[in-house]
C-alpha atoms as a PDB file:
ATOM      1  CA  MET A   1      10.857 -21.917  -3.333  1.00  0.00           C
ATOM      2  CA  THR A   2       9.349 -25.465  -3.060  1.00  0.00           C
ATOM      3  CA  THR A   3       9.974 -26.554  -6.736  1.00  0.00           C
ATOM      4  CA  ARG A   4      13.100 -27.276  -8.368  1.00  0.00           C
ATOM      5  CA  LEU A   5      12.546 -26.109 -11.949  1.00  0.00           C
ATOM      6  CA  PHE A   6      10.642 -23.040 -13.367  1.00  0.00           C
ATOM      7  CA  GLY A   7       7.336 -24.087 -14.855  1.00  0.00           C
ATOM      8  CA  GLU A   8       6.814 -26.836 -12.472  1.00  0.00           C
ATOM      9  CA  PRO A   9       3.284 -26.729 -11.066  1.00  0.00           C
ATOM     10  CA  VAL A  10       2.746 -25.129  -7.551  1.00  0.00           C
ATOM     11  CA  LEU A  11       0.210 -26.457  -5.138  1.00  0.00           C
ATOM     12  CA  ARG A  12      -1.487 -23.841  -3.310  1.00  0.00           C
ATOM     13  CA  LYS A  13      -3.792 -24.060  -0.522  1.00  0.00           C
ATOM     14  CA  GLU A  14      -5.754 -20.794  -0.996  1.00  0.00           C
ATOM     15  CA  ASP A  15      -7.133 -21.793  -4.345  1.00  0.00           C
ATOM     16  CA  ALA A  16     -10.249 -24.006  -3.335  1.00  0.00           C
ATOM     17  CA  ARG A  17     -11.460 -21.036  -1.321  1.00  0.00           C
ATOM     18  CA  PHE A  18     -11.150 -18.414  -4.010  1.00  0.00           C
ATOM     19  CA  LEU A  19     -12.709 -20.512  -6.529  1.00  0.00           C
ATOM     20  CA  THR A  20     -15.450 -21.573  -4.548  1.00  0.00           C
ATOM     21  CA  GLY A  21     -16.402 -18.055  -3.581  1.00  0.00           C
ATOM     22  CA  ARG A  22     -15.144 -18.622   0.140  1.00  0.00           C
ATOM     23  CA  GLY A  23     -11.994 -16.413   0.055  1.00  0.00           C
ATOM     24  CA  ARG A  24     -11.657 -13.373   1.904  1.00  0.00           C
ATOM     25  CA  TYR A  25      -9.805 -10.028   0.850  1.00  0.00           C
ATOM     26  CA  THR A  26      -8.214  -7.421   3.049  1.00  0.00           C
ATOM     27  CA  ALA A  27     -11.475  -5.200   2.664  1.00  0.00           C
ATOM     28  CA  ASP A  28     -13.777  -7.876   3.889  1.00  0.00           C
ATOM     29  CA  PHE A  29     -11.998  -7.799   7.328  1.00  0.00           C
ATOM     30  CA  GLU A  30     -12.972  -4.317   8.366  1.00  0.00           C
ATOM     31  CA  PRO A  31     -15.575  -2.731   6.434  1.00  0.00           C
ATOM     32  CA  GLY A  32     -15.179   0.984   6.477  1.00  0.00           C
ATOM     33  CA  ALA A  33     -11.326   0.763   7.494  1.00  0.00           C
ATOM     34  CA  ALA A  34      -9.321   3.686   6.337  1.00  0.00           C
ATOM     35  CA  HIS A  35      -6.762   3.084   3.576  1.00  0.00           C
ATOM     36  CA  ALA A  36      -3.169   4.577   3.127  1.00  0.00           C
ATOM     37  CA  ALA A  37      -1.817   5.658  -0.185  1.00  0.00           C
ATOM     38  CA  PHE A  38       2.006   6.187  -0.671  1.00  0.00           C
ATOM     39  CA  VAL A  39       3.018   8.890  -3.479  1.00  0.00           C
ATOM     40  CA  ARG A  40       6.669   9.183  -4.712  1.00  0.00           C
ATOM     41  CA  SER A  41       8.352  11.851  -6.886  1.00  0.00           C
ATOM     42  CA  ASP A  42       7.853  11.445 -10.636  1.00  0.00           C
ATOM     43  CA  PHE A  43      11.560  12.673 -11.238  1.00  0.00           C
ATOM     44  CA  ALA A  44      14.299  10.237 -10.365  1.00  0.00           C
ATOM     45  CA  HIS A  45      16.889  11.982  -7.993  1.00  0.00           C
ATOM     46  CA  ALA A  46      15.008  14.907  -7.910  1.00  0.00           C
ATOM     47  CA  ARG A  47      15.496  17.222  -5.058  1.00  0.00           C
ATOM     48  CA  LEU A  48      12.263  18.309  -3.711  1.00  0.00           C
ATOM     49  CA  LEU A  49      12.318  21.714  -1.958  1.00  0.00           C
ATOM     50  CA  ALA A  50       8.704  21.587  -0.675  1.00  0.00           C
ATOM     51  CA  VAL A  51       5.630  19.644  -0.908  1.00  0.00           C
ATOM     52  CA  ASP A  52       1.983  21.254  -0.826  1.00  0.00           C
ATOM     53  CA  ALA A  53      -0.403  18.793   0.814  1.00  0.00           C
ATOM     54  CA  SER A  54      -3.273  21.435   1.153  1.00  0.00           C
ATOM     55  CA  ALA A  55      -5.415  20.098  -1.685  1.00  0.00           C
ATOM     56  CA  ALA A  56      -5.131  16.475  -0.378  1.00  0.00           C
ATOM     57  CA  LEU A  57      -6.285  17.817   3.168  1.00  0.00           C
ATOM     58  CA  SER A  58      -9.216  19.801   1.471  1.00  0.00           C
ATOM     59  CA  VAL A  59     -10.734  16.544   0.481  1.00  0.00           C
ATOM     60  CA  PRO A  60     -13.500  15.658   2.997  1.00  0.00           C
ATOM     61  CA  VAL A  61     -12.614  11.904   3.124  1.00  0.00           C
ATOM     62  CA  VAL A  62      -8.980  12.422   3.774  1.00  0.00           C
ATOM     63  CA  LEU A  63      -7.970  11.656   7.117  1.00  0.00           C
ATOM     64  CA  GLY A  64      -4.496  12.979   6.897  1.00  0.00           C
ATOM     65  CA  ALA A  65      -1.716  14.066   4.320  1.00  0.00           C
ATOM     66  CA  PHE A  66       1.942  13.631   5.778  1.00  0.00           C
ATOM     67  CA  THR A  67       5.252  14.825   4.407  1.00  0.00           C
ATOM     68  CA  TYR A  68       8.772  14.393   5.488  1.00  0.00           C
ATOM     69  CA  PRO A  69       8.646  17.219   8.034  1.00  0.00           C
ATOM     70  CA  ASP A  70       5.639  15.543   9.694  1.00  0.00           C
ATOM     71  CA  LEU A  71       7.510  12.385  10.306  1.00  0.00           C
ATOM     72  CA  ASP A  72       9.535  11.508  13.709  1.00  0.00           C
ATOM     73  CA  HIS A  73      13.195  11.771  12.596  1.00  0.00           C
ATOM     74  CA  ASP A  74      14.658   9.276  14.780  1.00  0.00           C
ATOM     75  CA  PHE A  75      15.458   7.023  12.140  1.00  0.00           C
ATOM     76  CA  ALA A  76      18.371   6.712   9.523  1.00  0.00           C
ATOM     77  CA  VAL A  77      17.624   7.694   6.203  1.00  0.00           C
END
């Protein structure tokens, strides 16, 4: 943190770009790029026995839906 006290003004170099309409957002860099969404369980500490991704895969614009069994398991969980 560059300030010593909370509430102290922070100079940001990007403000001028965004306030004058010259800023760029992630979607501006690659129009038509695919996006990712991650869904977590609604239940804390739940043990999921299965996940059915068929509804997501039936949507024409969905490129893929992946669950834990689809992943490469060469990592520690």
